[in-house]
Amino acid sequence: MTEYQQKYIQLKNQYDKTNGGCESIVALYGFKEELEKIDSVEAKTVLVYVYDLLDLKQSAYNLLVEIGDTSDKKTAKRLAQLKKSADTMGDRFALPKPKTEAEKLQEKEKLVGLPYFQYHPNPLETGAFEQSEEPVICDCCGNPTNIFYESPFYSIDDVECLCPQCIANGAAAEKFDGEFQDESYLDKGVKDNSKLDELIHRTPGYHGWQQEYWRAHCGDFCAFIGYVGAKELRAMGIMEEVLDDPLWNDNAKELI
């Protein structure tokens, strides 16, 4: 057993023991970054498992394609499993790396310059906006921006990048006759048309496995605050409660 395998087993045990606790995820990301700097098959073999555990499915598949022996039955089977996950999830649903206090402060400083989105209040944290050191040009206003939107936008035009301001003031939706959320996939019961307009024309959307769906409650739309998967449900201690919901059939439960 290599030193990389020993460390992975230690970190995975810690991760399982804490149900994906914050410190265990930080440690896994640190190990990931350490392995990525090592150019050896032993390190890369373990890195595949680290990527997989962090739900970086596309990265795990790509790396195993690069280093794996496809004539080996176990490797071929693992590749097939990872390809299925990579095609469905990519790296979009990876466990988020917990932020340091310094990173949280930087994010708060950036949020000061962002418009407030009632139905999507933490767009940097959810990944609705990308950030880059080099500014890009907003397709709507033509101005440079270091924070830009690349999530769902339903329009006949090919729109690559939008700045937060053009979303918040409705300019992007108006210029490209577009929507950030498909009106057909909303909970019913919101009778105020101004709230519908706010959601579909001036609110950043989110990435879903399939068609994005926006929930409502008490006559108003809910705010999207983040993604929840099986690991998060276990960490919150409500996995069994969720699976007991009659909403899910056996196929849905297996998928969860």
C-alpha atoms as a PDB file:
ATOM      1  CA  MET A   1       0.000   0.000   0.000  1.00  0.00           C
ATOM      2  CA  THR A   2       1.430   3.376  -1.027  1.00  0.00           C
ATOM      3  CA  GLU A   3       1.598   6.412   1.267  1.00  0.00           C
ATOM      4  CA  TYR A   4      -1.050   8.082  -0.925  1.00  0.00           C
ATOM      5  CA  GLN A   5      -3.457   5.170  -0.443  1.00  0.00           C
ATOM      6  CA  GLN A   6      -2.872   5.203   3.327  1.00  0.00           C
ATOM      7  CA  LYS A   7      -3.637   8.912   3.545  1.00  0.00           C
ATOM      8  CA  TYR A   8      -6.738   8.526   1.366  1.00  0.00           C
ATOM      9  CA  ILE A   9      -8.101   5.748   3.601  1.00  0.00           C
ATOM     10  CA  GLN A  10      -7.451   7.894   6.663  1.00  0.00           C
ATOM     11  CA  LEU A  11      -9.229  10.917   5.158  1.00  0.00           C
ATOM     12  CA  LYS A  12     -12.140   8.830   3.860  1.00  0.00           C
ATOM     13  CA  ASN A  13     -12.661   7.276   7.297  1.00  0.00           C
ATOM     14  CA  GLN A  14     -12.690  10.762   8.788  1.00  0.00           C
ATOM     15  CA  TYR A  15     -15.146  11.879   6.115  1.00  0.00           C
ATOM     16  CA  ASP A  16     -17.482   8.902   6.728  1.00  0.00           C
ATOM     17  CA  LYS A  17     -17.236   9.283  10.495  1.00  0.00           C
ATOM     18  CA  THR A  18     -18.281  12.936  10.386  1.00  0.00           C
ATOM     19  CA  ASN A  19     -20.933  12.450   7.667  1.00  0.00           C
ATOM     20  CA  GLY A  20     -19.055  14.795   5.367  1.00  0.00           C
ATOM     21  CA  GLY A  21     -18.181  17.350   8.012  1.00  0.00           C
ATOM     22  CA  CYS A  22     -16.603  20.658   7.081  1.00  0.00           C
ATOM     23  CA  GLU A  23     -13.112  19.803   8.365  1.00  0.00           C
ATOM     24  CA  SER A  24     -13.039  16.473   6.518  1.00  0.00           C
ATOM     25  CA  ILE A  25     -13.962  18.161   3.225  1.00  0.00           C
ATOM     26  CA  VAL A  26     -11.277  20.814   3.742  1.00  0.00           C
ATOM     27  CA  ALA A  27      -8.745  18.028   4.327  1.00  0.00           C
ATOM     28  CA  LEU A  28      -9.839  16.186   1.172  1.00  0.00           C
ATOM     29  CA  TYR A  29      -9.496  19.309  -0.948  1.00  0.00           C
ATOM     30  CA  GLY A  30      -6.039  19.903   0.515  1.00  0.00           C
ATOM     31  CA  PHE A  31      -5.062  16.325  -0.364  1.00  0.00           C
ATOM     32  CA  LYS A  32      -6.512  16.786  -3.867  1.00  0.00           C
ATOM     33  CA  GLU A  33      -4.346  19.854  -4.457  1.00  0.00           C
ATOM     34  CA  GLU A  34      -1.305  17.998  -3.116  1.00  0.00           C
ATOM     35  CA  LEU A  35      -1.867  15.017  -5.438  1.00  0.00           C
ATOM     36  CA  GLU A  36      -2.452  17.239  -8.470  1.00  0.00           C
ATOM     37  CA  LYS A  37       1.141  18.490  -8.156  1.00  0.00           C
ATOM     38  CA  ILE A  38       2.645  14.973  -8.217  1.00  0.00           C
ATOM     39  CA  ASP A  39       3.394  13.433 -11.597  1.00  0.00           C
ATOM     40  CA  SER A  40       3.231   9.729 -10.787  1.00  0.00           C
ATOM     41  CA  VAL A  41       0.769   6.954 -11.583  1.00  0.00           C
ATOM     42  CA  GLU A  42       0.486   6.068  -7.885  1.00  0.00           C
ATOM     43  CA  ALA A  43      -0.588   9.579  -6.962  1.00  0.00           C
ATOM     44  CA  LYS A  44      -2.940   9.927  -9.930  1.00  0.00           C
ATOM     45  CA  THR A  45      -4.574   6.570  -9.169  1.00  0.00           C
ATOM     46  CA  VAL A  46      -5.505   7.800  -5.690  1.00  0.00           C
ATOM     47  CA  LEU A  47      -6.496  11.191  -7.120  1.00  0.00           C
ATOM     48  CA  VAL A  48      -9.226   9.446  -9.133  1.00  0.00           C
ATOM     49  CA  TYR A  49     -10.757   8.224  -5.851  1.00  0.00           C
ATOM     50  CA  VAL A  50     -10.453  11.678  -4.265  1.00  0.00           C
ATOM     51  CA  TYR A  51     -12.180  13.294  -7.260  1.00  0.00           C
ATOM     52  CA  ASP A  52     -14.931  10.671  -7.080  1.00  0.00           C
ATOM     53  CA  LEU A  53     -15.490  11.166  -3.349  1.00  0.00           C
ATOM     54  CA  LEU A  54     -15.776  14.933  -3.852  1.00  0.00           C
ATOM     55  CA  ASP A  55     -18.271  14.326  -6.686  1.00  0.00           C
ATOM     56  CA  LEU A  56     -15.886  15.733  -9.286  1.00  0.00           C
ATOM     57  CA  LYS A  57     -17.150  13.028 -11.603  1.00  0.00           C
ATOM     58  CA  GLN A  58     -15.897  14.472 -14.885  1.00  0.00           C
ATOM     59  CA  SER A  59     -12.412  15.007 -13.470  1.00  0.00           C
ATOM     60  CA  ALA A  60     -12.350  11.458 -12.082  1.00  0.00           C
ATOM     61  CA  TYR A  61     -13.414   9.984 -15.429  1.00  0.00           C
ATOM     62  CA  ASN A  62     -10.965  12.066 -17.476  1.00  0.00           C
ATOM     63  CA  LEU A  63      -8.045  11.125 -15.245  1.00  0.00           C
ATOM     64  CA  LEU A  64      -8.882   7.415 -15.235  1.00  0.00           C
ATOM     65  CA  VAL A  65      -9.110   7.488 -19.046  1.00  0.00           C
ATOM     66  CA  GLU A  66      -5.611   8.967 -19.053  1.00  0.00           C
ATOM     67  CA  ILE A  67      -3.952   6.483 -16.676  1.00  0.00           C
ATOM     68  CA  GLY A  68      -6.220   3.412 -16.629  1.00  0.00           C
ATOM     69  CA  ASP A  69      -5.652   0.067 -18.336  1.00  0.00           C
ATOM     70  CA  THR A  70      -8.895  -0.488 -20.237  1.00  0.00           C
ATOM     71  CA  SER A  71      -8.017  -4.155 -20.809  1.00  0.00           C
ATOM     72  CA  ASP A  72      -8.421  -4.707 -17.069  1.00  0.00           C
ATOM     73  CA  LYS A  73     -12.018  -5.687 -16.271  1.00  0.00           C
ATOM     74  CA  LYS A  74     -12.182  -3.791 -12.974  1.00  0.00           C
ATOM     75  CA  THR A  75     -10.848  -0.622 -14.599  1.00  0.00           C
ATOM     76  CA  ALA A  76     -13.233  -0.949 -17.538  1.00  0.00           C
ATOM     77  CA  LYS A  77     -16.188  -1.393 -15.175  1.00  0.00           C
ATOM     78  CA  ARG A  78     -15.131   1.627 -13.102  1.00  0.00           C
ATOM     79  CA  LEU A  79     -14.724   3.707 -16.261  1.00  0.00           C
ATOM     80  CA  ALA A  80     -18.242   2.795 -17.354  1.00  0.00           C
ATOM     81  CA  GLN A  81     -19.650   3.807 -13.956  1.00  0.00           C
ATOM     82  CA  LEU A  82     -17.746   7.079 -13.919  1.00  0.00           C
ATOM     83  CA  LYS A  83     -18.734   7.900 -17.487  1.00  0.00           C
ATOM     84  CA  LYS A  84     -22.389   7.563 -16.587  1.00  0.00           C
ATOM     85  CA  SER A  85     -21.936   9.944 -13.651  1.00  0.00           C
ATOM     86  CA  ALA A  86     -19.773  12.315 -15.685  1.00  0.00           C
ATOM     87  CA  ASP A  87     -22.355  12.536 -18.464  1.00  0.00           C
ATOM     88  CA  THR A  88     -25.108  13.284 -15.939  1.00  0.00           C
ATOM     89  CA  MET A  89     -23.297  15.437 -13.385  1.00  0.00           C
ATOM     90  CA  GLY A  90     -19.979  16.578 -14.803  1.00  0.00           C
ATOM     91  CA  ASP A  91     -18.200  18.508 -12.062  1.00  0.00           C
ATOM     92  CA  ARG A  92     -21.150  20.854 -11.456  1.00  0.00           C
ATOM     93  CA  PHE A  93     -22.408  19.075  -8.335  1.00  0.00           C
ATOM     94  CA  ALA A  94     -19.081  18.690  -6.564  1.00  0.00           C
ATOM     95  CA  LEU A  95     -19.048  19.122  -2.807  1.00  0.00           C
ATOM     96  CA  PRO A  96     -18.272  22.809  -2.297  1.00  0.00           C
ATOM     97  CA  LYS A  97     -14.929  23.524  -0.714  1.00  0.00           C
ATOM     98  CA  PRO A  98     -15.576  25.280   2.614  1.00  0.00           C
ATOM     99  CA  LYS A  99     -14.294  28.831   2.499  1.00  0.00           C
ATOM    100  CA  THR A 100     -11.643  30.217   4.806  1.00  0.00           C
ATOM    101  CA  GLU A 101     -12.444  33.317   6.854  1.00  0.00           C
ATOM    102  CA  ALA A 102     -10.320  35.380   4.456  1.00  0.00           C
ATOM    103  CA  GLU A 103     -12.257  34.020   1.458  1.00  0.00           C
ATOM    104  CA  LYS A 104     -15.574  34.732   3.181  1.00  0.00           C
ATOM    105  CA  LEU A 105     -14.459  38.318   3.787  1.00  0.00           C
ATOM    106  CA  GLN A 106     -13.417  38.708   0.143  1.00  0.00           C
ATOM    107  CA  GLU A 107     -16.777  37.347  -0.987  1.00  0.00           C
ATOM    108  CA  LYS A 108     -18.642  39.765   1.264  1.00  0.00           C
ATOM    109  CA  GLU A 109     -16.632  42.620  -0.216  1.00  0.00           C
ATOM    110  CA  LYS A 110     -17.548  41.498  -3.730  1.00  0.00           C
ATOM    111  CA  LEU A 111     -21.202  41.108  -2.765  1.00  0.00           C
ATOM    112  CA  VAL A 112     -21.256  44.758  -1.706  1.00  0.00           C
ATOM    113  CA  GLY A 113     -20.867  45.685  -5.364  1.00  0.00           C
ATOM    114  CA  LEU A 114     -23.517  43.194  -6.536  1.00  0.00           C
ATOM    115  CA  PRO A 115     -27.219  43.914  -6.891  1.00  0.00           C
ATOM    116  CA  TYR A 116     -29.431  42.117  -4.364  1.00  0.00           C
ATOM    117  CA  PHE A 117     -31.513  39.286  -5.830  1.00  0.00           C
ATOM    118  CA  GLN A 118     -34.552  38.558  -3.672  1.00  0.00           C
ATOM    119  CA  TYR A 119     -35.017  35.011  -4.960  1.00  0.00           C
ATOM    120  CA  HIS A 120     -31.309  34.170  -5.255  1.00  0.00           C
ATOM    121  CA  PRO A 121     -29.543  36.053  -2.426  1.00  0.00           C
ATOM    122  CA  ASN A 122     -26.159  34.242  -2.513  1.00  0.00           C
ATOM    123  CA  PRO A 123     -25.316  33.993  -6.239  1.00  0.00           C
ATOM    124  CA  LEU A 124     -21.549  33.795  -5.728  1.00  0.00           C
ATOM    125  CA  GLU A 125     -21.868  31.008  -3.165  1.00  0.00           C
ATOM    126  CA  THR A 126     -24.232  28.968  -5.360  1.00  0.00           C
ATOM    127  CA  GLY A 127     -22.017  29.398  -8.413  1.00  0.00           C
ATOM    128  CA  ALA A 128     -24.597  31.303 -10.456  1.00  0.00           C
ATOM    129  CA  PHE A 129     -21.870  33.799 -11.329  1.00  0.00           C
ATOM    130  CA  GLU A 130     -18.378  33.045 -12.542  1.00  0.00           C
ATOM    131  CA  GLN A 131     -15.438  35.235 -11.539  1.00  0.00           C
ATOM    132  CA  SER A 132     -12.265  36.014 -13.453  1.00  0.00           C
ATOM    133  CA  GLU A 133      -9.209  38.174 -12.917  1.00  0.00           C
ATOM    134  CA  GLU A 134      -9.379  39.360 -16.524  1.00  0.00           C
ATOM    135  CA  PRO A 135     -12.619  41.242 -17.293  1.00  0.00           C
ATOM    136  CA  VAL A 136     -15.019  39.906 -19.921  1.00  0.00           C
ATOM    137  CA  ILE A 137     -17.538  41.876 -21.963  1.00  0.00           C
ATOM    138  CA  CYS A 138     -21.233  41.698 -21.104  1.00  0.00           C
ATOM    139  CA  ASP A 139     -23.289  40.761 -24.169  1.00  0.00           C
ATOM    140  CA  CYS A 140     -26.048  43.115 -23.061  1.00  0.00           C
ATOM    141  CA  CYS A 141     -24.452  46.432 -22.067  1.00  0.00           C
ATOM    142  CA  GLY A 142     -21.033  45.936 -23.647  1.00  0.00           C
ATOM    143  CA  ASN A 143     -19.229  46.884 -20.443  1.00  0.00           C
ATOM    144  CA  PRO A 144     -16.331  44.898 -18.916  1.00  0.00           C
ATOM    145  CA  THR A 145     -17.093  42.853 -15.816  1.00  0.00           C
ATOM    146  CA  ASN A 146     -15.128  40.482 -13.585  1.00  0.00           C
ATOM    147  CA  ILE A 147     -18.301  38.789 -12.332  1.00  0.00           C
ATOM    148  CA  PHE A 148     -20.502  37.294 -15.018  1.00  0.00           C
ATOM    149  CA  TYR A 149     -23.445  34.942 -15.453  1.00  0.00           C
ATOM    150  CA  GLU A 150     -23.252  31.645 -17.335  1.00  0.00           C
ATOM    151  CA  SER A 151     -26.222  29.743 -15.917  1.00  0.00           C
ATOM    152  CA  PRO A 152     -29.536  29.015 -17.710  1.00  0.00           C
ATOM    153  CA  PHE A 153     -30.960  31.774 -19.907  1.00  0.00           C
ATOM    154  CA  TYR A 154     -33.780  30.902 -22.306  1.00  0.00           C
ATOM    155  CA  SER A 155     -33.492  32.985 -25.469  1.00  0.00           C
ATOM    156  CA  ILE A 156     -33.232  32.421 -29.218  1.00  0.00           C
ATOM    157  CA  ASP A 157     -30.038  34.514 -29.156  1.00  0.00           C
ATOM    158  CA  ASP A 158     -26.683  32.946 -28.342  1.00  0.00           C
ATOM    159  CA  VAL A 159     -25.861  34.807 -25.131  1.00  0.00           C
ATOM    160  CA  GLU A 160     -22.537  33.835 -23.572  1.00  0.00           C
ATOM    161  CA  CYS A 161     -22.071  36.270 -20.707  1.00  0.00           C
ATOM    162  CA  LEU A 162     -24.153  38.751 -18.742  1.00  0.00           C
ATOM    163  CA  CYS A 163     -23.164  41.115 -15.959  1.00  0.00           C
ATOM    164  CA  PRO A 164     -25.142  41.131 -12.672  1.00  0.00           C
ATOM    165  CA  GLN A 165     -26.478  44.640 -13.268  1.00  0.00           C
ATOM    166  CA  CYS A 166     -28.078  43.748 -16.624  1.00  0.00           C
ATOM    167  CA  ILE A 167     -29.866  40.838 -14.948  1.00  0.00           C
ATOM    168  CA  ALA A 168     -31.044  42.843 -11.934  1.00  0.00           C
ATOM    169  CA  ASN A 169     -32.445  45.781 -13.922  1.00  0.00           C
ATOM    170  CA  GLY A 170     -34.163  43.548 -16.489  1.00  0.00           C
ATOM    171  CA  ALA A 171     -32.119  44.877 -19.421  1.00  0.00           C
ATOM    172  CA  ALA A 172     -30.830  41.426 -20.456  1.00  0.00           C
ATOM    173  CA  ALA A 173     -34.285  39.804 -20.458  1.00  0.00           C
ATOM    174  CA  GLU A 174     -35.719  42.736 -22.420  1.00  0.00           C
ATOM    175  CA  LYS A 175     -32.912  43.002 -24.987  1.00  0.00           C
ATOM    176  CA  PHE A 176     -32.785  39.290 -25.796  1.00  0.00           C
ATOM    177  CA  ASP A 177     -36.478  38.553 -25.104  1.00  0.00           C
ATOM    178  CA  GLY A 178     -35.300  35.898 -22.659  1.00  0.00           C
ATOM    179  CA  GLU A 179     -36.110  34.291 -19.322  1.00  0.00           C
ATOM    180  CA  PHE A 180     -33.848  33.014 -16.536  1.00  0.00           C
ATOM    181  CA  GLN A 181     -36.446  30.457 -15.455  1.00  0.00           C
ATOM    182  CA  ASP A 182     -38.886  28.578 -17.692  1.00  0.00           C
ATOM    183  CA  GLU A 183     -42.349  29.824 -16.729  1.00  0.00           C
ATOM    184  CA  SER A 184     -43.742  26.318 -17.321  1.00  0.00           C
ATOM    185  CA  TYR A 185     -41.657  24.903 -14.461  1.00  0.00           C
ATOM    186  CA  LEU A 186     -42.852  26.888 -11.452  1.00  0.00           C
ATOM    187  CA  ASP A 187     -45.001  26.045  -8.446  1.00  0.00           C
ATOM    188  CA  LYS A 188     -48.531  27.382  -8.732  1.00  0.00           C
ATOM    189  CA  GLY A 189     -50.180  29.748  -6.288  1.00  0.00           C
ATOM    190  CA  VAL A 190     -48.268  32.991  -6.879  1.00  0.00           C
ATOM    191  CA  LYS A 191     -50.910  35.433  -8.106  1.00  0.00           C
ATOM    192  CA  ASP A 192     -48.807  38.603  -8.044  1.00  0.00           C
ATOM    193  CA  ASN A 193     -47.521  39.117 -11.597  1.00  0.00           C
ATOM    194  CA  SER A 194     -44.787  41.450 -10.357  1.00  0.00           C
ATOM    195  CA  LYS A 195     -43.274  38.538  -8.406  1.00  0.00           C
ATOM    196  CA  LEU A 196     -43.358  36.340 -11.500  1.00  0.00           C
ATOM    197  CA  ASP A 197     -41.694  39.108 -13.498  1.00  0.00           C
ATOM    198  CA  GLU A 198     -38.999  39.477 -10.829  1.00  0.00           C
ATOM    199  CA  LEU A 199     -38.261  35.752 -10.856  1.00  0.00           C
ATOM    200  CA  ILE A 200     -38.103  35.005 -14.555  1.00  0.00           C
ATOM    201  CA  HIS A 201     -36.716  38.311 -15.852  1.00  0.00           C
ATOM    202  CA  ARG A 202     -34.458  39.647 -13.081  1.00  0.00           C
ATOM    203  CA  THR A 203     -33.278  36.639 -11.033  1.00  0.00           C
ATOM    204  CA  PRO A 204     -30.218  34.453 -11.788  1.00  0.00           C
ATOM    205  CA  GLY A 205     -31.197  30.834 -12.392  1.00  0.00           C
ATOM    206  CA  TYR A 206     -29.482  27.651 -11.235  1.00  0.00           C
ATOM    207  CA  HIS A 207     -28.208  24.430 -12.812  1.00  0.00           C
ATOM    208  CA  GLY A 208     -30.340  21.304 -12.327  1.00  0.00           C
ATOM    209  CA  TRP A 209     -29.745  17.694 -13.278  1.00  0.00           C
ATOM    210  CA  GLN A 210     -32.698  17.956 -15.601  1.00  0.00           C
ATOM    211  CA  GLN A 211     -35.159  20.810 -16.025  1.00  0.00           C
ATOM    212  CA  GLU A 212     -34.786  23.452 -13.313  1.00  0.00           C
ATOM    213  CA  TYR A 213     -37.939  23.859 -11.203  1.00  0.00           C
ATOM    214  CA  TRP A 214     -38.701  26.804  -8.897  1.00  0.00           C
ATOM    215  CA  ARG A 215     -40.691  26.244  -5.717  1.00  0.00           C
ATOM    216  CA  ALA A 216     -43.230  28.572  -4.100  1.00  0.00           C
ATOM    217  CA  HIS A 217     -44.831  28.790  -0.660  1.00  0.00           C
ATOM    218  CA  CYS A 218     -47.429  31.016   0.988  1.00  0.00           C
ATOM    219  CA  GLY A 219     -48.160  32.920  -2.188  1.00  0.00           C
ATOM    220  CA  ASP A 220     -44.556  33.804  -3.030  1.00  0.00           C
ATOM    221  CA  PHE A 221     -41.570  32.160  -4.695  1.00  0.00           C
ATOM    222  CA  CYS A 222     -38.885  30.624  -2.513  1.00  0.00           C
ATOM    223  CA  ALA A 223     -35.314  31.882  -2.461  1.00  0.00           C
ATOM    224  CA  PHE A 224     -32.713  29.515  -3.913  1.00  0.00           C
ATOM    225  CA  ILE A 225     -29.916  29.259  -1.332  1.00  0.00           C
ATOM    226  CA  GLY A 226     -27.924  26.212  -2.455  1.00  0.00           C
ATOM    227  CA  TYR A 227     -27.748  22.622  -3.656  1.00  0.00           C
ATOM    228  CA  VAL A 228     -28.572  19.594  -1.526  1.00  0.00           C
ATOM    229  CA  GLY A 229     -27.616  16.028  -2.418  1.00  0.00           C
ATOM    230  CA  ALA A 230     -27.458  12.703  -0.596  1.00  0.00           C
ATOM    231  CA  LYS A 231     -24.316  13.644   1.354  1.00  0.00           C
ATOM    232  CA  GLU A 232     -25.883  16.861   2.615  1.00  0.00           C
ATOM    233  CA  LEU A 233     -29.104  15.049   3.576  1.00  0.00           C
ATOM    234  CA  ARG A 234     -27.088  12.534   5.616  1.00  0.00           C
ATOM    235  CA  ALA A 235     -25.089  15.314   7.272  1.00  0.00           C
ATOM    236  CA  MET A 236     -28.357  17.012   8.303  1.00  0.00           C
ATOM    237  CA  GLY A 237     -29.709  13.700   9.619  1.00  0.00           C
ATOM    238  CA  ILE A 238     -32.859  13.785   7.471  1.00  0.00           C
ATOM    239  CA  MET A 239     -32.086  11.223   4.764  1.00  0.00           C
ATOM    240  CA  GLU A 240     -34.588   8.665   6.064  1.00  0.00           C
ATOM    241  CA  GLU A 241     -37.267  11.331   6.462  1.00  0.00           C
ATOM    242  CA  VAL A 242     -36.783  12.406   2.849  1.00  0.00           C
ATOM    243  CA  LEU A 243     -36.848   8.843   1.518  1.00  0.00           C
ATOM    244  CA  ASP A 244     -40.045   8.113   3.477  1.00  0.00           C
ATOM    245  CA  ASP A 245     -41.862  10.826   1.500  1.00  0.00           C
ATOM    246  CA  PRO A 246     -44.480   9.119  -0.744  1.00  0.00           C
ATOM    247  CA  LEU A 247     -43.380  11.516  -3.507  1.00  0.00           C
ATOM    248  CA  TRP A 248     -40.495   9.168  -4.360  1.00  0.00           C
ATOM    249  CA  ASN A 249     -40.873   5.871  -6.191  1.00  0.00           C
ATOM    250  CA  ASP A 250     -38.256   3.128  -5.937  1.00  0.00           C
ATOM    251  CA  ASN A 251     -36.283   4.432  -8.950  1.00  0.00           C
ATOM    252  CA  ALA A 252     -36.136   7.941  -7.485  1.00  0.00           C
ATOM    253  CA  LYS A 253     -34.971   6.602  -4.120  1.00  0.00           C
ATOM    254  CA  GLU A 254     -32.207   4.618  -5.803  1.00  0.00           C
ATOM    255  CA  LEU A 255     -31.113   7.725  -7.697  1.00  0.00           C
ATOM    256  CA  ILE A 256     -30.982   9.759  -4.463  1.00  0.00           C
END
